[in-house]
Amino acid sequence: MPEPFPTLAALRPGPGAEEPPVHQRTIDMQVFERGEHHVVIGTLHDQRPWATGAAGPKDLHFMELGLVVRRADLVIVDAAATMGTFPHAECPSIEGAFTDLVGLSVSRGYSGAVSARFGRQRGCSHVEFLARALGPVVIQAVTSSAVWRVAQGGQYPEGQGGLDGLGWLTDTCHLWAEGGIGPQKVATGWRPGTTEYPAPPLLEIRRRLGEKEVGT
């Protein structure tokens, strides 16, 4: 049995190695703030970097999904999918089905709801992948938007766009487990973007808060 690769670095081609990938998938996702909404655009591009015209197409999939998400409650109010490059003439016939994303919240339960509507034979696996991935991107944009306001000299928007107490992050990962490190940091008054990045440990935040109180 072969030895396992010891590190991720060992998996990468070495300097000067002639080892082109047999397949490449590129995902790009961008979020824009427009009035009371986030506009989210995701693209998926599948390529065979080695392919030439004689060996078949280099570009296999180029698909896009756009969502309009209401910032106040993180509910999708509009959705559209397009396919620019696809393997079968019939592929684009499923584009219109993705308007069924409208009405879903991108917070808790979103990935399961997307899979239930568009998983396997019910949709397109590539656009469904984009749909599931766009939800967490919106969540990231919520805090990015708040931090952007702080960077512009404004106030952290508590209670706006799902930010009130950041409780919507509960159980989204090990750090945000109920009663865990993330919620404890929030309880001290810490908010994303108000300290250095990455955020200092909980004990350090508490120490700084204690010093501030002593100095007042």
N, C-alpha and C. Protein backbone atom coordinates (compact mmCIF):
# COMPACT_ATOMS: atom_id res chain seq x y z
N MET A 1 0.86 -1.18 0.00
CA MET A 1 0.00 0.00 0.00
C MET A 1 0.90 1.24 0.00
N PRO A 2 0.63 2.21 -0.91
CA PRO A 2 1.51 3.37 -0.98
C PRO A 2 1.41 4.23 0.26
N GLU A 3 2.51 4.93 0.55
CA GLU A 3 2.53 5.83 1.69
C GLU A 3 1.63 7.04 1.41
N PRO A 4 0.89 7.50 2.40
CA PRO A 4 0.05 8.69 2.18
C PRO A 4 0.93 9.93 2.00
N PHE A 5 0.40 10.88 1.27
CA PHE A 5 1.11 12.15 1.13
C PHE A 5 1.16 12.83 2.49
N PRO A 6 2.32 13.29 2.92
CA PRO A 6 2.43 13.83 4.28
C PRO A 6 1.80 15.21 4.44
N THR A 7 1.80 16.02 3.40
CA THR A 7 1.26 17.37 3.50
C THR A 7 0.59 17.75 2.20
N LEU A 8 -0.20 18.83 2.26
CA LEU A 8 -0.82 19.34 1.03
C LEU A 8 0.24 19.76 0.02
N ALA A 9 1.34 20.31 0.50
CA ALA A 9 2.40 20.75 -0.41
C ALA A 9 2.92 19.60 -1.25
N ALA A 10 2.92 18.39 -0.68
CA ALA A 10 3.41 17.23 -1.41
C ALA A 10 2.48 16.84 -2.55
N LEU A 11 1.23 17.30 -2.50
CA LEU A 11 0.29 16.98 -3.57
C LEU A 11 0.46 17.88 -4.79
N ARG A 12 1.06 19.05 -4.57
CA ARG A 12 1.18 20.00 -5.67
C ARG A 12 2.34 19.62 -6.59
N PRO A 13 2.20 19.90 -7.90
CA PRO A 13 3.34 19.66 -8.81
C PRO A 13 4.54 20.48 -8.37
N GLY A 14 5.73 19.90 -8.49
CA GLY A 14 6.94 20.61 -8.12
C GLY A 14 7.29 21.70 -9.11
N PRO A 15 8.24 22.56 -8.75
CA PRO A 15 8.67 23.63 -9.66
C PRO A 15 9.16 23.06 -10.98
N GLY A 16 8.61 23.57 -12.07
CA GLY A 16 9.02 23.12 -13.39
C GLY A 16 8.44 21.79 -13.82
N ALA A 17 7.59 21.19 -13.01
CA ALA A 17 7.03 19.88 -13.36
C ALA A 17 6.07 20.01 -14.53
N GLU A 18 6.17 19.08 -15.46
CA GLU A 18 5.26 19.04 -16.60
C GLU A 18 4.04 18.20 -16.22
N GLU A 19 3.12 18.80 -15.52
CA GLU A 19 1.97 18.07 -15.03
C GLU A 19 0.72 18.94 -15.12
N PRO A 20 0.21 19.15 -16.34
CA PRO A 20 -1.00 19.96 -16.46
C PRO A 20 -2.20 19.23 -15.86
N PRO A 21 -3.13 19.95 -15.28
CA PRO A 21 -4.32 19.28 -14.73
C PRO A 21 -5.17 18.68 -15.84
N VAL A 22 -5.76 17.53 -15.57
CA VAL A 22 -6.64 16.93 -16.56
C VAL A 22 -8.01 17.60 -16.55
N HIS A 23 -8.33 18.28 -15.44
CA HIS A 23 -9.60 19.01 -15.37
C HIS A 23 -9.42 20.21 -14.45
N GLN A 24 -10.12 21.28 -14.79
CA GLN A 24 -10.03 22.50 -13.99
C GLN A 24 -11.41 23.11 -13.85
N ARG A 25 -11.81 23.37 -12.62
CA ARG A 25 -13.08 24.05 -12.35
C ARG A 25 -12.78 25.37 -11.65
N THR A 26 -13.31 26.44 -12.19
CA THR A 26 -13.13 27.77 -11.62
C THR A 26 -14.49 28.29 -11.16
N ILE A 27 -14.56 28.71 -9.91
CA ILE A 27 -15.78 29.28 -9.35
C ILE A 27 -15.50 30.74 -8.99
N ASP A 28 -16.38 31.62 -9.39
CA ASP A 28 -16.25 33.02 -9.04
C ASP A 28 -17.59 33.51 -8.49
N MET A 29 -17.54 34.21 -7.36
CA MET A 29 -18.77 34.71 -6.74
C MET A 29 -18.55 36.12 -6.25
N GLN A 30 -19.47 36.99 -6.58
CA GLN A 30 -19.37 38.39 -6.18
C GLN A 30 -20.71 38.85 -5.63
N VAL A 31 -20.64 39.71 -4.62
CA VAL A 31 -21.85 40.24 -3.98
C VAL A 31 -21.79 41.76 -4.04
N PHE A 32 -22.89 42.37 -4.45
CA PHE A 32 -23.00 43.82 -4.54
C PHE A 32 -24.16 44.29 -3.66
N GLU A 33 -23.97 45.40 -3.00
CA GLU A 33 -25.02 45.95 -2.17
C GLU A 33 -25.77 47.01 -2.98
N ARG A 34 -27.06 46.79 -3.15
CA ARG A 34 -27.89 47.72 -3.92
C ARG A 34 -29.15 48.04 -3.12
N GLY A 35 -29.14 49.21 -2.53
CA GLY A 35 -30.28 49.61 -1.73
C GLY A 35 -30.49 48.66 -0.57
N GLU A 36 -31.67 48.07 -0.49
CA GLU A 36 -32.01 47.16 0.60
C GLU A 36 -31.73 45.71 0.25
N HIS A 37 -30.95 45.46 -0.79
CA HIS A 37 -30.70 44.09 -1.24
C HIS A 37 -29.22 43.83 -1.47
N HIS A 38 -28.87 42.55 -1.42
CA HIS A 38 -27.59 42.07 -1.92
C HIS A 38 -27.86 41.41 -3.28
N VAL A 39 -27.08 41.78 -4.29
CA VAL A 39 -27.14 41.12 -5.59
C VAL A 39 -25.92 40.21 -5.68
N VAL A 40 -26.16 38.92 -5.92
CA VAL A 40 -25.11 37.91 -5.89
C VAL A 40 -25.02 37.27 -7.27
N ILE A 41 -23.81 37.21 -7.81
CA ILE A 41 -23.60 36.58 -9.11
C ILE A 41 -22.51 35.53 -8.97
N GLY A 42 -22.84 34.30 -9.35
CA GLY A 42 -21.88 33.21 -9.30
C GLY A 42 -21.68 32.62 -10.68
N THR A 43 -20.44 32.24 -11.00
CA THR A 43 -20.14 31.58 -12.26
C THR A 43 -19.37 30.30 -12.00
N LEU A 44 -19.62 29.31 -12.83
CA LEU A 44 -18.92 28.03 -12.79
C LEU A 44 -18.37 27.76 -14.18
N HIS A 45 -17.06 27.50 -14.26
CA HIS A 45 -16.39 27.29 -15.54
C HIS A 45 -15.57 26.01 -15.46
N ASP A 46 -15.96 25.00 -16.22
CA ASP A 46 -15.23 23.73 -16.30
C ASP A 46 -14.43 23.69 -17.59
N GLN A 47 -13.13 23.32 -17.47
CA GLN A 47 -12.26 23.25 -18.63
C GLN A 47 -11.40 21.99 -18.59
N ARG A 48 -10.97 21.56 -19.79
CA ARG A 48 -9.92 20.56 -19.95
C ARG A 48 -8.71 21.31 -20.51
N PRO A 49 -7.77 21.71 -19.65
CA PRO A 49 -6.68 22.57 -20.11
C PRO A 49 -5.84 21.95 -21.23
N TRP A 50 -5.81 20.64 -21.31
CA TRP A 50 -4.97 19.96 -22.28
C TRP A 50 -5.64 19.84 -23.65
N ALA A 51 -6.93 20.10 -23.72
CA ALA A 51 -7.69 19.79 -24.94
C ALA A 51 -7.39 20.76 -26.07
N THR A 52 -7.42 20.22 -27.27
CA THR A 52 -7.34 21.03 -28.49
C THR A 52 -8.60 20.75 -29.29
N GLY A 53 -8.78 21.45 -30.37
CA GLY A 53 -9.97 21.24 -31.19
C GLY A 53 -10.11 19.79 -31.65
N ALA A 54 -8.97 19.15 -31.95
CA ALA A 54 -9.02 17.76 -32.44
C ALA A 54 -9.37 16.79 -31.32
N ALA A 55 -9.05 17.14 -30.08
CA ALA A 55 -9.26 16.23 -28.96
C ALA A 55 -10.58 16.47 -28.25
N GLY A 56 -11.40 17.37 -28.79
CA GLY A 56 -12.65 17.69 -28.13
C GLY A 56 -12.61 19.09 -27.56
N PRO A 57 -13.71 19.57 -27.00
CA PRO A 57 -13.77 20.96 -26.52
C PRO A 57 -12.91 21.18 -25.28
N LYS A 58 -12.34 22.36 -25.20
CA LYS A 58 -11.60 22.76 -24.01
C LYS A 58 -12.57 23.23 -22.94
N ASP A 59 -13.58 23.98 -23.33
CA ASP A 59 -14.59 24.50 -22.41
C ASP A 59 -15.78 23.56 -22.36
N LEU A 60 -16.13 23.10 -21.17
CA LEU A 60 -17.23 22.14 -20.99
C LEU A 60 -18.49 22.80 -20.45
N HIS A 61 -18.31 23.60 -19.41
CA HIS A 61 -19.44 24.28 -18.79
C HIS A 61 -19.07 25.72 -18.50
N PHE A 62 -19.97 26.63 -18.82
CA PHE A 62 -19.88 28.00 -18.32
C PHE A 62 -21.30 28.39 -17.95
N MET A 63 -21.56 28.46 -16.66
CA MET A 63 -22.92 28.65 -16.17
C MET A 63 -22.92 29.73 -15.10
N GLU A 64 -24.00 30.50 -15.08
CA GLU A 64 -24.11 31.61 -14.14
C GLU A 64 -25.44 31.56 -13.40
N LEU A 65 -25.40 32.00 -12.16
CA LEU A 65 -26.61 32.11 -11.36
C LEU A 65 -26.57 33.43 -10.63
N GLY A 66 -27.65 34.19 -10.73
CA GLY A 66 -27.76 35.46 -10.02
C GLY A 66 -28.91 35.43 -9.04
N LEU A 67 -28.69 35.98 -7.85
CA LEU A 67 -29.72 36.05 -6.83
C LEU A 67 -29.84 37.49 -6.34
N VAL A 68 -31.05 37.88 -5.98
CA VAL A 68 -31.29 39.13 -5.27
C VAL A 68 -31.82 38.76 -3.90
N VAL A 69 -31.10 39.16 -2.87
CA VAL A 69 -31.42 38.76 -1.50
C VAL A 69 -31.75 40.01 -0.67
N ARG A 70 -32.91 39.99 -0.05
CA ARG A 70 -33.31 41.11 0.81
C ARG A 70 -32.45 41.12 2.07
N ARG A 71 -31.81 42.23 2.36
CA ARG A 71 -30.87 42.28 3.48
C ARG A 71 -31.57 42.17 4.82
N ALA A 72 -32.80 42.64 4.92
CA ALA A 72 -33.48 42.67 6.21
C ALA A 72 -33.71 41.28 6.79
N ASP A 73 -34.01 40.30 5.94
CA ASP A 73 -34.32 38.95 6.44
C ASP A 73 -33.59 37.85 5.67
N LEU A 74 -32.70 38.23 4.73
CA LEU A 74 -31.89 37.27 3.98
C LEU A 74 -32.73 36.32 3.13
N VAL A 75 -33.88 36.79 2.65
CA VAL A 75 -34.76 36.00 1.78
C VAL A 75 -34.50 36.36 0.32
N ILE A 76 -34.44 35.34 -0.53
CA ILE A 76 -34.24 35.55 -1.97
C ILE A 76 -35.53 36.08 -2.58
N VAL A 77 -35.44 37.20 -3.30
CA VAL A 77 -36.62 37.80 -3.92
C VAL A 77 -36.57 37.70 -5.44
N ASP A 78 -35.44 37.32 -6.01
CA ASP A 78 -35.36 37.12 -7.46
C ASP A 78 -34.18 36.20 -7.74
N ALA A 79 -34.27 35.43 -8.83
CA ALA A 79 -33.21 34.49 -9.19
C ALA A 79 -33.26 34.24 -10.69
N ALA A 80 -32.09 34.07 -11.30
CA ALA A 80 -32.01 33.77 -12.73
C ALA A 80 -30.76 32.96 -13.00
N ALA A 81 -30.89 31.93 -13.85
CA ALA A 81 -29.76 31.09 -14.24
C ALA A 81 -29.60 31.15 -15.75
N THR A 82 -28.35 31.15 -16.21
CA THR A 82 -28.06 31.12 -17.64
C THR A 82 -26.93 30.13 -17.90
N MET A 83 -26.96 29.51 -19.06
CA MET A 83 -25.92 28.57 -19.47
C MET A 83 -25.31 29.07 -20.77
N GLY A 84 -24.01 29.41 -20.72
CA GLY A 84 -23.32 29.86 -21.91
C GLY A 84 -22.67 28.73 -22.67
N THR A 85 -22.10 27.76 -21.93
CA THR A 85 -21.48 26.58 -22.52
C THR A 85 -22.01 25.36 -21.79
N PHE A 86 -22.45 24.34 -22.55
CA PHE A 86 -23.11 23.17 -21.96
C PHE A 86 -22.96 21.99 -22.91
N PRO A 87 -23.04 20.75 -22.38
CA PRO A 87 -22.76 19.58 -23.20
C PRO A 87 -23.90 19.11 -24.10
N HIS A 88 -25.13 19.43 -23.78
CA HIS A 88 -26.28 18.95 -24.56
C HIS A 88 -27.19 20.11 -24.92
N ALA A 89 -27.76 20.05 -26.11
CA ALA A 89 -28.64 21.13 -26.56
C ALA A 89 -29.81 21.34 -25.60
N GLU A 90 -30.22 20.29 -24.92
CA GLU A 90 -31.38 20.38 -24.03
C GLU A 90 -31.04 20.96 -22.65
N CYS A 91 -29.76 21.12 -22.32
CA CYS A 91 -29.38 21.57 -20.98
C CYS A 91 -30.08 22.85 -20.55
N PRO A 92 -30.14 23.89 -21.39
CA PRO A 92 -30.72 25.16 -20.93
C PRO A 92 -32.21 25.10 -20.60
N SER A 93 -32.87 24.00 -20.93
CA SER A 93 -34.31 23.93 -20.64
C SER A 93 -34.61 23.97 -19.14
N ILE A 94 -33.60 23.73 -18.30
CA ILE A 94 -33.81 23.73 -16.85
C ILE A 94 -33.57 25.10 -16.24
N GLU A 95 -33.09 26.06 -17.02
CA GLU A 95 -32.74 27.37 -16.46
C GLU A 95 -33.89 27.99 -15.66
N GLY A 96 -35.08 27.97 -16.25
CA GLY A 96 -36.21 28.63 -15.61
C GLY A 96 -36.61 28.03 -14.28
N ALA A 97 -36.25 26.76 -14.05
CA ALA A 97 -36.64 26.10 -12.80
C ALA A 97 -36.01 26.78 -11.59
N PHE A 98 -34.87 27.45 -11.79
CA PHE A 98 -34.16 28.02 -10.65
C PHE A 98 -34.81 29.29 -10.11
N THR A 99 -35.88 29.75 -10.76
CA THR A 99 -36.65 30.83 -10.13
C THR A 99 -37.35 30.33 -8.87
N ASP A 100 -37.41 29.00 -8.70
CA ASP A 100 -38.00 28.45 -7.47
C ASP A 100 -37.14 28.71 -6.24
N LEU A 101 -35.97 29.31 -6.42
CA LEU A 101 -35.17 29.75 -5.27
C LEU A 101 -35.83 30.92 -4.55
N VAL A 102 -36.69 31.64 -5.27
CA VAL A 102 -37.36 32.80 -4.68
C VAL A 102 -38.19 32.34 -3.47
N GLY A 103 -38.04 33.06 -2.37
CA GLY A 103 -38.76 32.74 -1.14
C GLY A 103 -37.93 32.01 -0.12
N LEU A 104 -36.78 31.44 -0.55
CA LEU A 104 -35.91 30.75 0.40
C LEU A 104 -35.06 31.76 1.17
N SER A 105 -34.80 31.47 2.43
CA SER A 105 -33.84 32.24 3.20
C SER A 105 -32.47 31.60 3.05
N VAL A 106 -31.42 32.41 2.90
CA VAL A 106 -30.08 31.86 2.74
C VAL A 106 -29.42 31.56 4.08
N SER A 107 -30.15 31.72 5.17
CA SER A 107 -29.59 31.39 6.48
C SER A 107 -29.82 29.92 6.77
N ARG A 108 -30.26 29.54 7.93
CA ARG A 108 -30.33 28.14 8.33
C ARG A 108 -31.25 27.32 7.44
N GLY A 109 -30.79 26.11 7.10
CA GLY A 109 -31.58 25.19 6.31
C GLY A 109 -31.54 25.43 4.82
N TYR A 110 -30.74 26.40 4.39
CA TYR A 110 -30.74 26.77 2.97
C TYR A 110 -30.22 25.65 2.09
N SER A 111 -29.07 25.08 2.42
CA SER A 111 -28.47 24.05 1.55
C SER A 111 -29.41 22.86 1.37
N GLY A 112 -30.06 22.43 2.46
CA GLY A 112 -30.99 21.32 2.37
C GLY A 112 -32.19 21.65 1.50
N ALA A 113 -32.69 22.88 1.61
CA ALA A 113 -33.83 23.29 0.80
C ALA A 113 -33.47 23.32 -0.68
N VAL A 114 -32.26 23.78 -1.01
CA VAL A 114 -31.82 23.80 -2.41
C VAL A 114 -31.70 22.39 -2.95
N SER A 115 -31.09 21.50 -2.17
CA SER A 115 -30.94 20.11 -2.61
C SER A 115 -32.29 19.44 -2.82
N ALA A 116 -33.25 19.75 -1.95
CA ALA A 116 -34.58 19.15 -2.08
C ALA A 116 -35.27 19.60 -3.36
N ARG A 117 -35.01 20.83 -3.78
CA ARG A 117 -35.67 21.35 -4.98
C ARG A 117 -34.96 20.98 -6.26
N PHE A 118 -33.61 20.96 -6.23
CA PHE A 118 -32.85 20.87 -7.47
C PHE A 118 -31.83 19.74 -7.50
N GLY A 119 -31.79 18.89 -6.48
CA GLY A 119 -30.81 17.82 -6.44
C GLY A 119 -31.08 16.74 -7.47
N ARG A 120 -30.01 16.15 -7.96
CA ARG A 120 -30.06 15.00 -8.87
C ARG A 120 -30.96 15.27 -10.08
N GLN A 121 -31.96 14.43 -10.32
CA GLN A 121 -32.76 14.53 -11.55
C GLN A 121 -33.68 15.74 -11.58
N ARG A 122 -33.77 16.46 -10.48
CA ARG A 122 -34.69 17.60 -10.42
C ARG A 122 -34.08 18.89 -10.97
N GLY A 123 -32.80 18.90 -11.27
CA GLY A 123 -32.20 20.14 -11.75
C GLY A 123 -30.94 19.88 -12.54
N CYS A 124 -30.01 20.81 -12.49
CA CYS A 124 -28.69 20.70 -13.10
C CYS A 124 -27.68 20.66 -11.96
N SER A 125 -26.82 19.66 -11.93
CA SER A 125 -25.91 19.50 -10.79
C SER A 125 -24.96 20.69 -10.67
N HIS A 126 -24.62 21.32 -11.79
CA HIS A 126 -23.66 22.42 -11.74
C HIS A 126 -24.31 23.70 -11.23
N VAL A 127 -25.49 24.02 -11.71
CA VAL A 127 -26.18 25.22 -11.22
C VAL A 127 -26.65 25.00 -9.79
N GLU A 128 -27.05 23.76 -9.46
CA GLU A 128 -27.44 23.46 -8.08
C GLU A 128 -26.25 23.64 -7.13
N PHE A 129 -25.06 23.26 -7.59
CA PHE A 129 -23.85 23.49 -6.80
C PHE A 129 -23.65 24.98 -6.56
N LEU A 130 -23.81 25.79 -7.62
CA LEU A 130 -23.69 27.23 -7.47
C LEU A 130 -24.71 27.77 -6.48
N ALA A 131 -25.95 27.28 -6.60
CA ALA A 131 -27.01 27.76 -5.71
C ALA A 131 -26.67 27.50 -4.25
N ARG A 132 -26.20 26.27 -3.96
CA ARG A 132 -25.85 25.96 -2.57
C ARG A 132 -24.67 26.79 -2.09
N ALA A 133 -23.71 27.04 -2.98
CA ALA A 133 -22.52 27.78 -2.59
C ALA A 133 -22.79 29.27 -2.40
N LEU A 134 -23.77 29.81 -3.11
CA LEU A 134 -24.04 31.24 -3.03
C LEU A 134 -24.63 31.64 -1.67
N GLY A 135 -25.34 30.74 -1.02
CA GLY A 135 -25.92 31.06 0.28
C GLY A 135 -24.88 31.48 1.29
N PRO A 136 -23.83 30.66 1.54
CA PRO A 136 -22.79 31.07 2.48
C PRO A 136 -22.06 32.34 2.06
N VAL A 137 -21.99 32.60 0.74
CA VAL A 137 -21.33 33.82 0.29
C VAL A 137 -22.13 35.05 0.72
N VAL A 138 -23.45 34.95 0.67
CA VAL A 138 -24.28 36.06 1.15
C VAL A 138 -24.05 36.29 2.63
N ILE A 139 -23.95 35.21 3.40
CA ILE A 139 -23.70 35.33 4.84
C ILE A 139 -22.39 36.09 5.08
N GLN A 140 -21.36 35.76 4.30
CA GLN A 140 -20.10 36.48 4.42
C GLN A 140 -20.28 37.95 4.06
N ALA A 141 -21.12 38.21 3.05
CA ALA A 141 -21.33 39.59 2.60
C ALA A 141 -22.03 40.43 3.65
N VAL A 142 -22.86 39.79 4.48
CA VAL A 142 -23.56 40.53 5.54
C VAL A 142 -22.54 41.20 6.46
N THR A 143 -21.55 40.41 6.91
CA THR A 143 -20.55 41.00 7.80
C THR A 143 -19.60 41.91 7.03
N SER A 144 -19.27 41.56 5.77
CA SER A 144 -18.41 42.44 4.97
C SER A 144 -19.05 43.81 4.80
N SER A 145 -20.36 43.82 4.58
CA SER A 145 -21.09 45.07 4.42
C SER A 145 -21.03 45.90 5.70
N ALA A 146 -21.20 45.22 6.85
CA ALA A 146 -21.15 45.93 8.13
C ALA A 146 -19.76 46.51 8.39
N VAL A 147 -18.73 45.71 8.12
CA VAL A 147 -17.36 46.17 8.35
C VAL A 147 -17.02 47.31 7.39
N TRP A 148 -17.55 47.24 6.16
CA TRP A 148 -17.33 48.33 5.20
C TRP A 148 -17.88 49.64 5.75
N ARG A 149 -19.04 49.58 6.39
CA ARG A 149 -19.61 50.79 6.98
C ARG A 149 -18.70 51.36 8.06
N VAL A 150 -18.15 50.45 8.89
CA VAL A 150 -17.23 50.90 9.95
C VAL A 150 -15.99 51.53 9.33
N ALA A 151 -15.47 50.92 8.26
CA ALA A 151 -14.28 51.45 7.60
C ALA A 151 -14.53 52.83 6.99
N GLN A 152 -15.77 53.10 6.64
CA GLN A 152 -16.14 54.39 6.08
C GLN A 152 -16.44 55.43 7.17
N GLY A 153 -16.24 55.04 8.43
CA GLY A 153 -16.45 55.96 9.52
C GLY A 153 -17.84 55.90 10.14
N GLY A 154 -18.63 54.89 9.71
CA GLY A 154 -19.98 54.76 10.24
C GLY A 154 -20.03 53.86 11.46
N GLN A 155 -21.24 53.53 11.87
CA GLN A 155 -21.46 52.67 13.02
C GLN A 155 -21.78 51.25 12.58
N TYR A 156 -21.43 50.31 13.43
CA TYR A 156 -21.77 48.91 13.15
C TYR A 156 -23.29 48.77 13.19
N PRO A 157 -23.91 48.25 12.11
CA PRO A 157 -25.37 48.27 11.99
C PRO A 157 -26.07 47.16 12.76
N GLU A 158 -26.09 47.25 14.06
CA GLU A 158 -26.81 46.27 14.87
C GLU A 158 -28.28 46.23 14.47
N GLY A 159 -28.83 45.02 14.39
CA GLY A 159 -30.25 44.87 14.10
C GLY A 159 -30.61 45.03 12.64
N GLN A 160 -29.61 45.26 11.77
CA GLN A 160 -29.89 45.47 10.36
C GLN A 160 -29.32 44.32 9.54
N GLY A 161 -30.10 43.82 8.61
CA GLY A 161 -29.60 42.79 7.73
C GLY A 161 -29.23 41.51 8.42
N GLY A 162 -29.91 41.16 9.51
CA GLY A 162 -29.61 39.91 10.20
C GLY A 162 -28.41 39.98 11.11
N LEU A 163 -27.92 41.19 11.45
CA LEU A 163 -26.71 41.32 12.25
C LEU A 163 -26.96 41.35 13.75
N ASP A 164 -28.19 41.46 14.17
CA ASP A 164 -28.50 41.67 15.58
C ASP A 164 -27.94 40.53 16.43
N GLY A 165 -26.83 40.80 17.12
CA GLY A 165 -26.22 39.80 17.99
C GLY A 165 -25.51 38.68 17.26
N LEU A 166 -25.55 38.67 15.93
CA LEU A 166 -24.93 37.62 15.11
C LEU A 166 -25.44 36.24 15.48
N GLY A 167 -26.64 36.17 16.07
CA GLY A 167 -27.18 34.88 16.48
C GLY A 167 -27.45 33.94 15.33
N TRP A 168 -27.62 34.48 14.13
CA TRP A 168 -27.88 33.64 12.96
C TRP A 168 -26.67 32.77 12.59
N LEU A 169 -25.50 33.05 13.20
CA LEU A 169 -24.32 32.23 12.95
C LEU A 169 -24.26 30.99 13.84
N THR A 170 -25.19 30.87 14.80
CA THR A 170 -25.14 29.77 15.76
C THR A 170 -25.15 28.41 15.06
N ASP A 171 -24.19 27.56 15.43
CA ASP A 171 -24.05 26.19 14.93
C ASP A 171 -23.70 26.11 13.45
N THR A 172 -23.20 27.21 12.85
CA THR A 172 -22.77 27.13 11.45
C THR A 172 -21.38 26.52 11.30
N CYS A 173 -20.60 26.50 12.39
CA CYS A 173 -19.29 25.84 12.38
C CYS A 173 -18.87 25.63 13.83
N HIS A 174 -17.71 24.99 14.03
CA HIS A 174 -17.27 24.67 15.40
C HIS A 174 -17.07 25.94 16.23
N LEU A 175 -16.61 27.02 15.61
CA LEU A 175 -16.37 28.24 16.36
C LEU A 175 -17.68 28.87 16.85
N TRP A 176 -18.74 28.69 16.02
CA TRP A 176 -20.03 29.32 16.34
C TRP A 176 -21.01 28.33 16.96
N ALA A 177 -20.50 27.24 17.53
CA ALA A 177 -21.38 26.32 18.26
C ALA A 177 -22.09 27.07 19.38
N GLU A 178 -23.31 26.67 19.67
CA GLU A 178 -24.09 27.36 20.70
C GLU A 178 -23.31 27.38 22.01
N GLY A 179 -23.10 28.57 22.56
CA GLY A 179 -22.32 28.72 23.77
C GLY A 179 -20.82 28.67 23.56
N GLY A 180 -20.39 28.58 22.30
CA GLY A 180 -18.97 28.43 22.01
C GLY A 180 -18.22 29.74 21.95
N ILE A 181 -17.03 29.67 21.35
CA ILE A 181 -16.13 30.81 21.33
C ILE A 181 -16.75 32.03 20.64
N GLY A 182 -17.34 31.82 19.46
CA GLY A 182 -17.92 32.94 18.72
C GLY A 182 -18.99 33.68 19.51
N PRO A 183 -20.03 32.98 19.99
CA PRO A 183 -21.05 33.66 20.78
C PRO A 183 -20.49 34.33 22.04
N GLN A 184 -19.47 33.73 22.65
CA GLN A 184 -18.88 34.35 23.84
C GLN A 184 -18.16 35.66 23.48
N LYS A 185 -17.52 35.68 22.32
CA LYS A 185 -16.88 36.92 21.88
C LYS A 185 -17.92 38.01 21.63
N VAL A 186 -19.02 37.63 20.98
CA VAL A 186 -20.09 38.60 20.72
C VAL A 186 -20.63 39.15 22.03
N ALA A 187 -20.76 38.27 23.04
CA ALA A 187 -21.31 38.69 24.33
C ALA A 187 -20.43 39.74 25.02
N THR A 188 -19.13 39.76 24.69
CA THR A 188 -18.25 40.77 25.28
C THR A 188 -18.44 42.13 24.62
N GLY A 189 -19.11 42.16 23.46
CA GLY A 189 -19.24 43.39 22.69
C GLY A 189 -18.39 43.40 21.43
N TRP A 190 -17.58 42.36 21.25
CA TRP A 190 -16.78 42.26 20.02
C TRP A 190 -17.68 42.09 18.81
N ARG A 191 -17.28 42.67 17.67
CA ARG A 191 -17.95 42.48 16.39
C ARG A 191 -16.90 42.31 15.30
N PRO A 192 -17.21 41.54 14.25
CA PRO A 192 -16.24 41.40 13.14
C PRO A 192 -15.80 42.76 12.61
N GLY A 193 -14.51 42.89 12.38
CA GLY A 193 -13.98 44.12 11.82
C GLY A 193 -13.64 45.18 12.84
N THR A 194 -13.89 44.91 14.13
CA THR A 194 -13.60 45.91 15.16
C THR A 194 -12.27 45.66 15.85
N THR A 195 -11.61 44.55 15.50
CA THR A 195 -10.27 44.27 16.01
C THR A 195 -9.41 43.84 14.84
N GLU A 196 -8.16 43.47 15.12
CA GLU A 196 -7.28 42.98 14.06
C GLU A 196 -7.83 41.66 13.48
N TYR A 197 -7.25 41.25 12.35
CA TYR A 197 -7.69 40.01 11.69
C TYR A 197 -6.50 39.06 11.60
N PRO A 198 -6.62 37.80 12.01
CA PRO A 198 -7.80 37.21 12.64
C PRO A 198 -8.06 37.79 14.03
N ALA A 199 -9.30 37.65 14.46
CA ALA A 199 -9.68 38.19 15.76
C ALA A 199 -8.87 37.53 16.85
N PRO A 200 -8.50 38.27 17.87
CA PRO A 200 -7.71 37.70 18.97
C PRO A 200 -8.50 36.66 19.75
N PRO A 201 -7.81 35.85 20.56
CA PRO A 201 -8.50 34.86 21.38
C PRO A 201 -9.49 35.51 22.35
N LEU A 202 -10.45 34.71 22.78
CA LEU A 202 -11.48 35.19 23.70
C LEU A 202 -10.87 35.80 24.96
N LEU A 203 -9.88 35.15 25.53
CA LEU A 203 -9.28 35.66 26.76
C LEU A 203 -8.63 37.02 26.54
N GLU A 204 -8.04 37.20 25.36
CA GLU A 204 -7.40 38.48 25.07
C GLU A 204 -8.45 39.59 24.91
N ILE A 205 -9.56 39.27 24.27
CA ILE A 205 -10.65 40.25 24.14
C ILE A 205 -11.17 40.64 25.52
N ARG A 206 -11.34 39.65 26.39
CA ARG A 206 -11.81 39.94 27.75
C ARG A 206 -10.78 40.78 28.51
N ARG A 207 -9.50 40.49 28.30
CA ARG A 207 -8.46 41.27 29.00
C ARG A 207 -8.51 42.73 28.56
N ARG A 208 -8.64 42.94 27.25
CA ARG A 208 -8.68 44.31 26.75
C ARG A 208 -9.92 45.04 27.28
N LEU A 209 -11.05 44.31 27.32
CA LEU A 209 -12.28 44.94 27.83
C LEU A 209 -12.10 45.31 29.29
N GLY A 210 -11.44 44.44 30.06
CA GLY A 210 -11.20 44.74 31.46
C GLY A 210 -10.33 45.95 31.65
N GLU A 211 -9.29 46.10 30.83
CA GLU A 211 -8.41 47.25 30.92
C GLU A 211 -9.16 48.53 30.57
N LYS A 212 -10.04 48.44 29.58
CA LYS A 212 -10.83 49.61 29.18
C LYS A 212 -11.74 50.06 30.33
N GLU A 213 -12.34 49.07 31.00
CA GLU A 213 -13.25 49.41 32.11
C GLU A 213 -12.47 50.02 33.27
N VAL A 214 -11.26 49.50 33.54
CA VAL A 214 -10.45 50.04 34.61
C VAL A 214 -10.05 51.47 34.31
N GLY A 215 -9.79 51.75 33.02
CA GLY A 215 -9.32 53.06 32.65
C GLY A 215 -10.42 54.12 32.56
N THR A 216 -11.69 53.69 32.64
CA THR A 216 -12.77 54.68 32.53
C THR A 216 -13.10 55.30 33.89
